[in-house]
Amino acid sequence: MQKRAEARDQVRERIVEATMRLHDEKGVVPTTFAEIAERAGVGPATVSRHFPTLGDLVRACGAHVWLEMRPPTPDAVASVFAEAKTGRDRLVRLVEELDAFYARGAHRLALAARDRDLVPELDGFLTAVEAGVEALVREALAHTEDGEHVIQVAVAFTSFQVWTQFTRVDLAPAELTRLKVKILEYALKAARQV
């Protein structure tokens, strides 16, 4: 019985790994169960037995992707700013932390965003990611008395979509970090005056 369970788990893992590779290549929606089965070396019925719906498969892959991406989570954001002494230090840490996260997850975040409206489980995954980013921003600004609209301005300027646009800016990483911090400072100042 133990060997049978181990074999089942191995097949399941092969299916998840094959699915993740195909999703990386094509995206979630265009990938078929038949392609997954072929890549995993199993029959389509085996894929369906382990994962009856696309949502089941996306949730299984999402658990792996979450561990690889290591997005910010509300329960862990305080430690990011433990060494930050000033408001500027906190913004620098915010930018550095988000740059590292977005770089780790860029490809998969872009693919998930593309299919988000078609697959509820992708929307749930991205909603959790966005909640972590917002928690990180809120913690970065925790020393201020900023109102909700100011925090939402900072969330907008630190979004994955904005980060993606900055990847096209031809500056050295340290210069780009300084630029992002300055933009955040200016945006926060302007938002506080509204």
N, C-alpha and C. Protein backbone atom coordinates (compact mmCIF):
# COMPACT_ATOMS: atom_id res chain seq x y z
N MET A 1 0.82 -1.19 0.00
CA MET A 1 0.00 0.00 0.00
C MET A 1 0.87 1.27 0.00
N GLN A 2 1.96 1.24 0.77
CA GLN A 2 2.87 2.38 0.85
C GLN A 2 3.49 2.68 -0.51
N LYS A 3 3.93 1.64 -1.23
CA LYS A 3 4.55 1.84 -2.54
C LYS A 3 3.55 2.42 -3.53
N ARG A 4 2.32 1.99 -3.43
CA ARG A 4 1.29 2.49 -4.33
C ARG A 4 1.06 3.99 -4.09
N ALA A 5 1.01 4.38 -2.83
CA ALA A 5 0.83 5.80 -2.49
C ALA A 5 2.02 6.62 -2.97
N GLU A 6 3.23 6.08 -2.81
CA GLU A 6 4.43 6.78 -3.27
C GLU A 6 4.41 6.94 -4.78
N ALA A 7 4.02 5.88 -5.49
CA ALA A 7 3.94 5.94 -6.95
C ALA A 7 2.91 6.98 -7.38
N ARG A 8 1.78 7.02 -6.71
CA ARG A 8 0.73 7.99 -7.03
C ARG A 8 1.25 9.42 -6.81
N ASP A 9 1.96 9.62 -5.70
CA ASP A 9 2.52 10.94 -5.41
C ASP A 9 3.56 11.34 -6.46
N GLN A 10 4.36 10.38 -6.91
CA GLN A 10 5.37 10.67 -7.93
C GLN A 10 4.71 11.07 -9.25
N VAL A 11 3.66 10.36 -9.62
CA VAL A 11 2.94 10.70 -10.85
C VAL A 11 2.33 12.09 -10.72
N ARG A 12 1.73 12.36 -9.59
CA ARG A 12 1.13 13.67 -9.36
C ARG A 12 2.19 14.77 -9.48
N GLU A 13 3.35 14.53 -8.90
CA GLU A 13 4.43 15.52 -8.96
C GLU A 13 4.92 15.72 -10.39
N ARG A 14 5.02 14.63 -11.15
CA ARG A 14 5.42 14.74 -12.57
C ARG A 14 4.40 15.57 -13.35
N ILE A 15 3.14 15.36 -13.06
CA ILE A 15 2.09 16.14 -13.73
C ILE A 15 2.22 17.62 -13.39
N VAL A 16 2.43 17.92 -12.12
CA VAL A 16 2.58 19.32 -11.70
C VAL A 16 3.81 19.95 -12.36
N GLU A 17 4.93 19.24 -12.35
CA GLU A 17 6.15 19.77 -12.97
C GLU A 17 5.96 20.00 -14.46
N ALA A 18 5.33 19.05 -15.14
CA ALA A 18 5.07 19.20 -16.58
C ALA A 18 4.15 20.40 -16.83
N THR A 19 3.15 20.53 -15.99
CA THR A 19 2.21 21.64 -16.13
C THR A 19 2.91 22.97 -15.94
N MET A 20 3.75 23.06 -14.93
CA MET A 20 4.45 24.32 -14.68
C MET A 20 5.35 24.69 -15.86
N ARG A 21 6.05 23.71 -16.42
CA ARG A 21 6.90 24.00 -17.59
C ARG A 21 6.06 24.49 -18.76
N LEU A 22 4.94 23.80 -19.01
CA LEU A 22 4.07 24.22 -20.11
C LEU A 22 3.45 25.60 -19.86
N HIS A 23 3.05 25.85 -18.63
CA HIS A 23 2.50 27.17 -18.31
C HIS A 23 3.56 28.24 -18.52
N ASP A 24 4.81 27.94 -18.16
CA ASP A 24 5.90 28.90 -18.39
C ASP A 24 6.10 29.16 -19.88
N GLU A 25 5.91 28.13 -20.69
CA GLU A 25 6.11 28.26 -22.13
C GLU A 25 4.93 28.93 -22.84
N LYS A 26 3.70 28.57 -22.43
CA LYS A 26 2.52 28.97 -23.19
C LYS A 26 1.53 29.83 -22.42
N GLY A 27 1.57 29.77 -21.12
CA GLY A 27 0.53 30.37 -20.31
C GLY A 27 -0.43 29.30 -19.83
N VAL A 28 -1.32 29.67 -18.94
CA VAL A 28 -2.23 28.70 -18.32
C VAL A 28 -3.35 28.29 -19.28
N VAL A 29 -4.08 29.24 -19.79
CA VAL A 29 -5.26 28.93 -20.59
C VAL A 29 -4.93 28.15 -21.87
N PRO A 30 -3.87 28.50 -22.60
CA PRO A 30 -3.60 27.76 -23.84
C PRO A 30 -3.10 26.32 -23.63
N THR A 31 -2.69 25.96 -22.43
CA THR A 31 -2.15 24.62 -22.16
C THR A 31 -3.29 23.62 -22.02
N THR A 32 -3.20 22.51 -22.75
CA THR A 32 -4.26 21.49 -22.69
C THR A 32 -3.85 20.33 -21.79
N PHE A 33 -4.84 19.60 -21.31
CA PHE A 33 -4.57 18.41 -20.50
C PHE A 33 -3.81 17.38 -21.32
N ALA A 34 -4.08 17.29 -22.62
CA ALA A 34 -3.38 16.34 -23.48
C ALA A 34 -1.89 16.68 -23.55
N GLU A 35 -1.55 17.96 -23.66
CA GLU A 35 -0.15 18.37 -23.69
C GLU A 35 0.53 18.07 -22.35
N ILE A 36 -0.19 18.30 -21.28
CA ILE A 36 0.36 18.00 -19.95
C ILE A 36 0.63 16.51 -19.83
N ALA A 37 -0.32 15.70 -20.25
CA ALA A 37 -0.16 14.25 -20.18
C ALA A 37 1.05 13.79 -20.97
N GLU A 38 1.19 14.31 -22.19
CA GLU A 38 2.33 13.93 -23.02
C GLU A 38 3.64 14.32 -22.36
N ARG A 39 3.71 15.54 -21.85
CA ARG A 39 4.95 16.02 -21.21
C ARG A 39 5.27 15.22 -19.95
N ALA A 40 4.24 14.81 -19.21
CA ALA A 40 4.43 14.06 -17.96
C ALA A 40 4.63 12.57 -18.21
N GLY A 41 4.38 12.13 -19.43
CA GLY A 41 4.53 10.71 -19.74
C GLY A 41 3.41 9.85 -19.19
N VAL A 42 2.20 10.41 -19.14
CA VAL A 42 1.03 9.68 -18.67
C VAL A 42 -0.11 9.91 -19.66
N GLY A 43 -1.20 9.23 -19.46
CA GLY A 43 -2.37 9.43 -20.30
C GLY A 43 -3.21 10.60 -19.81
N PRO A 44 -4.01 11.19 -20.72
CA PRO A 44 -4.88 12.30 -20.31
C PRO A 44 -5.83 11.92 -19.17
N ALA A 45 -6.28 10.68 -19.14
CA ALA A 45 -7.18 10.25 -18.07
C ALA A 45 -6.48 10.30 -16.71
N THR A 46 -5.18 10.01 -16.71
CA THR A 46 -4.41 10.07 -15.46
C THR A 46 -4.35 11.51 -14.95
N VAL A 47 -4.13 12.44 -15.86
CA VAL A 47 -4.11 13.86 -15.47
C VAL A 47 -5.46 14.24 -14.87
N SER A 48 -6.53 13.84 -15.54
CA SER A 48 -7.89 14.18 -15.07
C SER A 48 -8.23 13.51 -13.74
N ARG A 49 -7.68 12.33 -13.54
CA ARG A 49 -7.94 11.62 -12.27
C ARG A 49 -7.29 12.38 -11.10
N HIS A 50 -6.07 12.84 -11.33
CA HIS A 50 -5.36 13.58 -10.27
C HIS A 50 -5.90 15.01 -10.11
N PHE A 51 -6.28 15.61 -11.24
CA PHE A 51 -6.73 17.01 -11.24
C PHE A 51 -7.98 17.12 -12.11
N PRO A 52 -9.15 16.92 -11.52
CA PRO A 52 -10.39 16.91 -12.31
C PRO A 52 -10.69 18.22 -13.05
N THR A 53 -10.20 19.34 -12.51
CA THR A 53 -10.48 20.63 -13.16
C THR A 53 -9.18 21.41 -13.35
N LEU A 54 -9.24 22.39 -14.23
CA LEU A 54 -8.11 23.29 -14.41
C LEU A 54 -7.80 24.00 -13.10
N GLY A 55 -8.83 24.37 -12.36
CA GLY A 55 -8.63 25.03 -11.07
C GLY A 55 -7.83 24.19 -10.10
N ASP A 56 -8.11 22.88 -10.06
CA ASP A 56 -7.36 21.98 -9.18
C ASP A 56 -5.88 21.98 -9.56
N LEU A 57 -5.63 21.95 -10.85
CA LEU A 57 -4.25 21.93 -11.35
C LEU A 57 -3.55 23.26 -11.06
N VAL A 58 -4.24 24.35 -11.27
CA VAL A 58 -3.66 25.67 -11.02
C VAL A 58 -3.34 25.83 -9.54
N ARG A 59 -4.21 25.37 -8.66
CA ARG A 59 -3.93 25.45 -7.21
C ARG A 59 -2.68 24.65 -6.85
N ALA A 60 -2.54 23.46 -7.41
CA ALA A 60 -1.37 22.63 -7.12
C ALA A 60 -0.09 23.30 -7.62
N CYS A 61 -0.14 23.85 -8.82
CA CYS A 61 1.03 24.55 -9.36
C CYS A 61 1.30 25.82 -8.55
N GLY A 62 0.23 26.51 -8.17
CA GLY A 62 0.37 27.75 -7.42
C GLY A 62 1.10 27.56 -6.11
N ALA A 63 0.89 26.42 -5.46
CA ALA A 63 1.60 26.14 -4.21
C ALA A 63 3.10 26.07 -4.44
N HIS A 64 3.51 25.44 -5.54
CA HIS A 64 4.94 25.37 -5.89
C HIS A 64 5.48 26.75 -6.27
N VAL A 65 4.73 27.45 -7.09
CA VAL A 65 5.15 28.77 -7.55
C VAL A 65 5.30 29.73 -6.38
N TRP A 66 4.39 29.66 -5.43
CA TRP A 66 4.45 30.53 -4.25
C TRP A 66 5.78 30.33 -3.51
N LEU A 67 6.17 29.07 -3.34
CA LEU A 67 7.43 28.78 -2.65
C LEU A 67 8.63 29.28 -3.43
N GLU A 68 8.58 29.18 -4.74
CA GLU A 68 9.70 29.65 -5.57
C GLU A 68 9.78 31.17 -5.60
N MET A 69 8.65 31.84 -5.72
CA MET A 69 8.62 33.30 -5.81
C MET A 69 8.89 33.99 -4.48
N ARG A 70 8.43 33.37 -3.41
CA ARG A 70 8.54 33.96 -2.07
C ARG A 70 8.01 35.40 -2.04
N PRO A 71 6.72 35.58 -2.33
CA PRO A 71 6.16 36.94 -2.29
C PRO A 71 6.10 37.45 -0.86
N PRO A 72 6.03 38.77 -0.71
CA PRO A 72 5.85 39.30 0.65
C PRO A 72 4.51 38.82 1.21
N THR A 73 4.50 38.55 2.49
CA THR A 73 3.27 38.14 3.15
C THR A 73 3.02 39.06 4.34
N PRO A 74 1.76 39.35 4.63
CA PRO A 74 1.45 40.28 5.71
C PRO A 74 2.11 39.93 7.05
N ASP A 75 2.26 38.64 7.34
CA ASP A 75 2.83 38.26 8.63
C ASP A 75 4.35 38.40 8.69
N ALA A 76 5.01 38.65 7.57
CA ALA A 76 6.47 38.71 7.56
C ALA A 76 7.04 40.08 7.19
N VAL A 77 6.18 41.06 6.94
CA VAL A 77 6.69 42.33 6.41
C VAL A 77 7.46 43.17 7.44
N ALA A 78 7.14 43.07 8.69
CA ALA A 78 7.81 43.91 9.70
C ALA A 78 9.31 43.67 9.72
N SER A 79 9.73 42.44 9.52
CA SER A 79 11.16 42.12 9.57
C SER A 79 11.95 42.79 8.45
N VAL A 80 11.30 43.12 7.36
CA VAL A 80 11.97 43.76 6.23
C VAL A 80 12.54 45.11 6.64
N PHE A 81 11.88 45.78 7.55
CA PHE A 81 12.26 47.15 7.92
C PHE A 81 12.95 47.23 9.28
N ALA A 82 13.35 46.11 9.83
CA ALA A 82 13.94 46.07 11.17
C ALA A 82 15.16 46.97 11.30
N GLU A 83 15.97 47.06 10.26
CA GLU A 83 17.22 47.85 10.32
C GLU A 83 17.03 49.29 9.82
N ALA A 84 15.88 49.60 9.26
CA ALA A 84 15.65 50.93 8.67
C ALA A 84 15.47 51.96 9.78
N LYS A 85 16.26 53.02 9.71
CA LYS A 85 16.24 54.05 10.75
C LYS A 85 15.37 55.25 10.37
N THR A 86 15.30 55.56 9.08
CA THR A 86 14.58 56.75 8.64
C THR A 86 13.48 56.37 7.65
N GLY A 87 12.62 57.34 7.37
CA GLY A 87 11.58 57.11 6.37
C GLY A 87 12.18 56.79 5.01
N ARG A 88 13.27 57.46 4.68
CA ARG A 88 13.95 57.18 3.40
C ARG A 88 14.51 55.76 3.40
N ASP A 89 15.11 55.35 4.51
CA ASP A 89 15.63 53.97 4.62
C ASP A 89 14.50 52.96 4.38
N ARG A 90 13.34 53.27 4.90
CA ARG A 90 12.19 52.36 4.74
C ARG A 90 11.77 52.29 3.27
N LEU A 91 11.79 53.42 2.58
CA LEU A 91 11.45 53.41 1.15
C LEU A 91 12.50 52.66 0.34
N VAL A 92 13.76 52.82 0.70
CA VAL A 92 14.83 52.08 0.01
C VAL A 92 14.61 50.58 0.20
N ARG A 93 14.34 50.16 1.42
CA ARG A 93 14.10 48.73 1.69
C ARG A 93 12.87 48.24 0.93
N LEU A 94 11.83 49.06 0.88
CA LEU A 94 10.62 48.71 0.13
C LEU A 94 10.95 48.45 -1.33
N VAL A 95 11.66 49.37 -1.94
CA VAL A 95 12.03 49.24 -3.35
C VAL A 95 12.92 48.02 -3.56
N GLU A 96 13.91 47.84 -2.71
CA GLU A 96 14.81 46.68 -2.86
C GLU A 96 14.06 45.36 -2.72
N GLU A 97 13.19 45.29 -1.75
CA GLU A 97 12.43 44.06 -1.50
C GLU A 97 11.51 43.74 -2.68
N LEU A 98 10.82 44.75 -3.17
CA LEU A 98 9.91 44.52 -4.30
C LEU A 98 10.68 44.23 -5.59
N ASP A 99 11.81 44.90 -5.79
CA ASP A 99 12.63 44.60 -6.97
C ASP A 99 13.05 43.13 -6.97
N ALA A 100 13.50 42.65 -5.82
CA ALA A 100 13.94 41.25 -5.73
C ALA A 100 12.77 40.30 -5.97
N PHE A 101 11.63 40.58 -5.36
CA PHE A 101 10.46 39.72 -5.54
C PHE A 101 9.99 39.73 -6.98
N TYR A 102 9.79 40.91 -7.55
CA TYR A 102 9.29 40.99 -8.92
C TYR A 102 10.27 40.34 -9.90
N ALA A 103 11.56 40.47 -9.66
CA ALA A 103 12.54 39.81 -10.54
C ALA A 103 12.40 38.29 -10.46
N ARG A 104 12.19 37.76 -9.25
CA ARG A 104 12.01 36.31 -9.10
C ARG A 104 10.75 35.82 -9.81
N GLY A 105 9.70 36.62 -9.78
CA GLY A 105 8.42 36.15 -10.27
C GLY A 105 7.94 36.76 -11.56
N ALA A 106 8.75 37.59 -12.21
CA ALA A 106 8.28 38.40 -13.35
C ALA A 106 7.56 37.59 -14.42
N HIS A 107 8.18 36.53 -14.89
CA HIS A 107 7.60 35.77 -16.00
C HIS A 107 6.24 35.19 -15.61
N ARG A 108 6.20 34.55 -14.47
CA ARG A 108 4.95 33.90 -14.04
C ARG A 108 3.89 34.91 -13.63
N LEU A 109 4.29 36.02 -13.04
CA LEU A 109 3.31 37.05 -12.70
C LEU A 109 2.67 37.62 -13.96
N ALA A 110 3.48 37.84 -15.00
CA ALA A 110 2.95 38.36 -16.26
C ALA A 110 1.98 37.37 -16.90
N LEU A 111 2.35 36.10 -16.91
CA LEU A 111 1.46 35.08 -17.50
C LEU A 111 0.17 34.95 -16.69
N ALA A 112 0.28 34.97 -15.39
CA ALA A 112 -0.91 34.86 -14.54
C ALA A 112 -1.83 36.06 -14.74
N ALA A 113 -1.24 37.24 -14.86
CA ALA A 113 -2.05 38.45 -15.06
C ALA A 113 -2.81 38.37 -16.39
N ARG A 114 -2.17 37.80 -17.39
CA ARG A 114 -2.80 37.69 -18.71
C ARG A 114 -4.07 36.84 -18.66
N ASP A 115 -4.04 35.77 -17.88
CA ASP A 115 -5.16 34.83 -17.82
C ASP A 115 -6.03 35.00 -16.57
N ARG A 116 -5.75 36.02 -15.79
CA ARG A 116 -6.41 36.23 -14.50
C ARG A 116 -7.94 36.24 -14.59
N ASP A 117 -8.47 36.92 -15.57
CA ASP A 117 -9.92 37.05 -15.69
C ASP A 117 -10.59 35.77 -16.17
N LEU A 118 -9.80 34.83 -16.66
CA LEU A 118 -10.35 33.58 -17.19
C LEU A 118 -10.29 32.42 -16.21
N VAL A 119 -9.38 32.52 -15.24
CA VAL A 119 -9.17 31.42 -14.29
C VAL A 119 -9.26 31.98 -12.87
N PRO A 120 -10.35 31.69 -12.16
CA PRO A 120 -10.53 32.25 -10.82
C PRO A 120 -9.37 31.95 -9.87
N GLU A 121 -8.74 30.79 -10.01
CA GLU A 121 -7.63 30.43 -9.12
C GLU A 121 -6.42 31.33 -9.36
N LEU A 122 -6.21 31.76 -10.59
CA LEU A 122 -5.13 32.72 -10.86
C LEU A 122 -5.45 34.06 -10.23
N ASP A 123 -6.71 34.46 -10.31
CA ASP A 123 -7.12 35.70 -9.67
C ASP A 123 -6.89 35.62 -8.16
N GLY A 124 -7.22 34.49 -7.57
CA GLY A 124 -6.98 34.31 -6.13
C GLY A 124 -5.50 34.38 -5.79
N PHE A 125 -4.67 33.75 -6.62
CA PHE A 125 -3.22 33.78 -6.41
C PHE A 125 -2.71 35.22 -6.47
N LEU A 126 -3.10 35.93 -7.52
CA LEU A 126 -2.62 37.31 -7.68
C LEU A 126 -3.19 38.24 -6.62
N THR A 127 -4.40 37.99 -6.18
CA THR A 127 -4.97 38.79 -5.09
C THR A 127 -4.15 38.61 -3.82
N ALA A 128 -3.70 37.39 -3.55
CA ALA A 128 -2.85 37.14 -2.38
C ALA A 128 -1.50 37.84 -2.53
N VAL A 129 -0.93 37.80 -3.73
CA VAL A 129 0.33 38.49 -3.99
C VAL A 129 0.15 39.99 -3.76
N GLU A 130 -0.91 40.55 -4.31
CA GLU A 130 -1.16 41.99 -4.16
C GLU A 130 -1.40 42.38 -2.71
N ALA A 131 -2.03 41.51 -1.95
CA ALA A 131 -2.23 41.78 -0.52
C ALA A 131 -0.89 41.83 0.21
N GLY A 132 0.02 40.96 -0.17
CA GLY A 132 1.36 40.97 0.43
C GLY A 132 2.12 42.24 0.08
N VAL A 133 2.02 42.66 -1.18
CA VAL A 133 2.68 43.90 -1.60
C VAL A 133 2.09 45.09 -0.85
N GLU A 134 0.77 45.12 -0.74
CA GLU A 134 0.13 46.22 -0.01
C GLU A 134 0.54 46.22 1.46
N ALA A 135 0.64 45.05 2.06
CA ALA A 135 1.08 44.96 3.46
C ALA A 135 2.51 45.49 3.60
N LEU A 136 3.34 45.20 2.63
CA LEU A 136 4.73 45.69 2.65
C LEU A 136 4.74 47.22 2.55
N VAL A 137 3.94 47.77 1.67
CA VAL A 137 3.85 49.23 1.53
C VAL A 137 3.33 49.85 2.83
N ARG A 138 2.28 49.27 3.39
CA ARG A 138 1.73 49.80 4.64
C ARG A 138 2.78 49.79 5.76
N GLU A 139 3.56 48.72 5.81
CA GLU A 139 4.60 48.64 6.84
C GLU A 139 5.69 49.67 6.58
N ALA A 140 6.03 49.89 5.32
CA ALA A 140 7.05 50.90 4.99
C ALA A 140 6.60 52.28 5.45
N LEU A 141 5.30 52.53 5.41
CA LEU A 141 4.76 53.84 5.78
C LEU A 141 4.16 53.86 7.18
N ALA A 142 4.40 52.82 7.95
CA ALA A 142 3.79 52.70 9.28
C ALA A 142 4.21 53.82 10.23
N HIS A 143 5.37 54.40 10.01
CA HIS A 143 5.86 55.47 10.88
C HIS A 143 5.18 56.81 10.58
N THR A 144 4.40 56.86 9.51
CA THR A 144 3.73 58.11 9.12
C THR A 144 2.28 58.08 9.62
N GLU A 145 1.62 59.17 9.43
CA GLU A 145 0.19 59.23 9.73
C GLU A 145 -0.59 59.36 8.43
N ASP A 146 -0.07 58.74 7.37
CA ASP A 146 -0.66 58.88 6.05
C ASP A 146 -2.07 58.30 5.99
N GLY A 147 -2.93 59.02 5.28
CA GLY A 147 -4.28 58.54 5.05
C GLY A 147 -4.31 57.44 4.01
N GLU A 148 -5.46 56.84 3.86
CA GLU A 148 -5.63 55.71 2.95
C GLU A 148 -5.28 56.07 1.51
N HIS A 149 -5.65 57.27 1.06
CA HIS A 149 -5.36 57.63 -0.33
C HIS A 149 -3.86 57.72 -0.58
N VAL A 150 -3.10 58.15 0.41
CA VAL A 150 -1.64 58.23 0.26
C VAL A 150 -1.06 56.82 0.15
N ILE A 151 -1.53 55.93 0.98
CA ILE A 151 -1.06 54.54 0.93
C ILE A 151 -1.39 53.92 -0.43
N GLN A 152 -2.60 54.18 -0.94
CA GLN A 152 -2.98 53.61 -2.23
C GLN A 152 -2.15 54.18 -3.38
N VAL A 153 -1.72 55.43 -3.26
CA VAL A 153 -0.81 56.00 -4.26
C VAL A 153 0.51 55.23 -4.23
N ALA A 154 1.03 54.97 -3.04
CA ALA A 154 2.27 54.20 -2.92
C ALA A 154 2.09 52.78 -3.47
N VAL A 155 0.96 52.17 -3.19
CA VAL A 155 0.67 50.83 -3.72
C VAL A 155 0.68 50.87 -5.25
N ALA A 156 0.06 51.89 -5.83
CA ALA A 156 0.03 52.00 -7.29
C ALA A 156 1.44 52.14 -7.87
N PHE A 157 2.27 52.96 -7.25
CA PHE A 157 3.62 53.18 -7.76
C PHE A 157 4.55 51.98 -7.54
N THR A 158 4.15 51.06 -6.68
CA THR A 158 4.98 49.87 -6.43
C THR A 158 4.37 48.61 -7.03
N SER A 159 3.38 48.77 -7.89
CA SER A 159 2.73 47.61 -8.50
C SER A 159 3.65 46.90 -9.48
N PHE A 160 3.32 45.66 -9.78
CA PHE A 160 4.09 44.88 -10.75
C PHE A 160 4.06 45.55 -12.12
N GLN A 161 2.93 46.13 -12.49
CA GLN A 161 2.82 46.77 -13.79
C GLN A 161 3.80 47.94 -13.91
N VAL A 162 3.91 48.75 -12.87
CA VAL A 162 4.85 49.87 -12.88
C VAL A 162 6.28 49.33 -12.87
N TRP A 163 6.55 48.32 -12.05
CA TRP A 163 7.89 47.72 -12.02
C TRP A 163 8.29 47.23 -13.42
N THR A 164 7.36 46.61 -14.12
CA THR A 164 7.65 46.10 -15.47
C THR A 164 8.09 47.24 -16.39
N GLN A 165 7.44 48.38 -16.28
CA GLN A 165 7.84 49.52 -17.11
C GLN A 165 9.26 49.99 -16.77
N PHE A 166 9.63 49.92 -15.51
CA PHE A 166 10.97 50.34 -15.10
C PHE A 166 12.05 49.40 -15.62
N THR A 167 11.71 48.17 -15.99
CA THR A 167 12.73 47.26 -16.54
C THR A 167 13.25 47.78 -17.87
N ARG A 168 12.53 48.69 -18.49
CA ARG A 168 12.95 49.26 -19.78
C ARG A 168 13.85 50.48 -19.62
N VAL A 169 13.99 50.97 -18.40
CA VAL A 169 14.81 52.16 -18.14
C VAL A 169 16.28 51.73 -18.10
N ASP A 170 17.08 52.38 -18.91
CA ASP A 170 18.49 52.01 -19.05
C ASP A 170 19.35 52.72 -18.00
N LEU A 171 19.29 52.20 -16.78
CA LEU A 171 20.11 52.70 -15.68
C LEU A 171 20.70 51.52 -14.93
N ALA A 172 21.83 51.76 -14.28
CA ALA A 172 22.42 50.73 -13.42
C ALA A 172 21.45 50.46 -12.27
N PRO A 173 21.47 49.24 -11.71
CA PRO A 173 20.52 48.90 -10.64
C PRO A 173 20.50 49.90 -9.48
N ALA A 174 21.66 50.34 -9.02
CA ALA A 174 21.69 51.28 -7.89
C ALA A 174 21.05 52.61 -8.27
N GLU A 175 21.32 53.08 -9.49
CA GLU A 175 20.71 54.33 -9.95
C GLU A 175 19.19 54.19 -10.07
N LEU A 176 18.76 53.04 -10.57
CA LEU A 176 17.33 52.80 -10.73
C LEU A 176 16.63 52.76 -9.36
N THR A 177 17.28 52.15 -8.38
CA THR A 177 16.72 52.14 -7.03
C THR A 177 16.58 53.56 -6.51
N ARG A 178 17.62 54.37 -6.66
CA ARG A 178 17.56 55.77 -6.21
C ARG A 178 16.43 56.52 -6.91
N LEU A 179 16.28 56.29 -8.22
CA LEU A 179 15.23 56.95 -8.98
C LEU A 179 13.85 56.54 -8.46
N LYS A 180 13.64 55.26 -8.24
CA LYS A 180 12.34 54.78 -7.75
C LYS A 180 12.02 55.38 -6.37
N VAL A 181 13.02 55.45 -5.51
CA VAL A 181 12.81 56.03 -4.18
C VAL A 181 12.42 57.50 -4.31
N LYS A 182 13.12 58.24 -5.17
CA LYS A 182 12.79 59.66 -5.36
C LYS A 182 11.37 59.83 -5.91
N ILE A 183 11.01 58.99 -6.88
CA ILE A 183 9.66 59.07 -7.44
C ILE A 183 8.62 58.79 -6.35
N LEU A 184 8.88 57.78 -5.52
CA LEU A 184 7.97 57.49 -4.41
C LEU A 184 7.88 58.68 -3.45
N GLU A 185 9.02 59.28 -3.12
CA GLU A 185 9.02 60.44 -2.23
C GLU A 185 8.18 61.58 -2.81
N TYR A 186 8.37 61.86 -4.10
CA TYR A 186 7.60 62.93 -4.74
C TYR A 186 6.11 62.59 -4.79
N ALA A 187 5.80 61.35 -5.13
CA ALA A 187 4.40 60.92 -5.21
C ALA A 187 3.73 61.01 -3.83
N LEU A 188 4.44 60.58 -2.80
CA LEU A 188 3.88 60.66 -1.44
C LEU A 188 3.67 62.11 -1.02
N LYS A 189 4.65 62.95 -1.33
CA LYS A 189 4.52 64.38 -0.99
C LYS A 189 3.30 64.98 -1.68
N ALA A 190 3.15 64.69 -2.96
CA ALA A 190 2.01 65.22 -3.71
C ALA A 190 0.69 64.68 -3.16
N ALA A 191 0.64 63.41 -2.86
CA ALA A 191 -0.59 62.79 -2.34
C ALA A 191 -0.96 63.37 -0.97
N ARG A 192 0.05 63.70 -0.17
CA ARG A 192 -0.21 64.26 1.15
C ARG A 192 -0.79 65.67 1.06
N GLN A 193 -0.57 66.34 -0.05
CA GLN A 193 -1.05 67.71 -0.22
C GLN A 193 -2.46 67.77 -0.80
N VAL A 194 -3.00 66.63 -1.18
CA VAL A 194 -4.34 66.60 -1.78
C VAL A 194 -5.39 66.57 -0.69
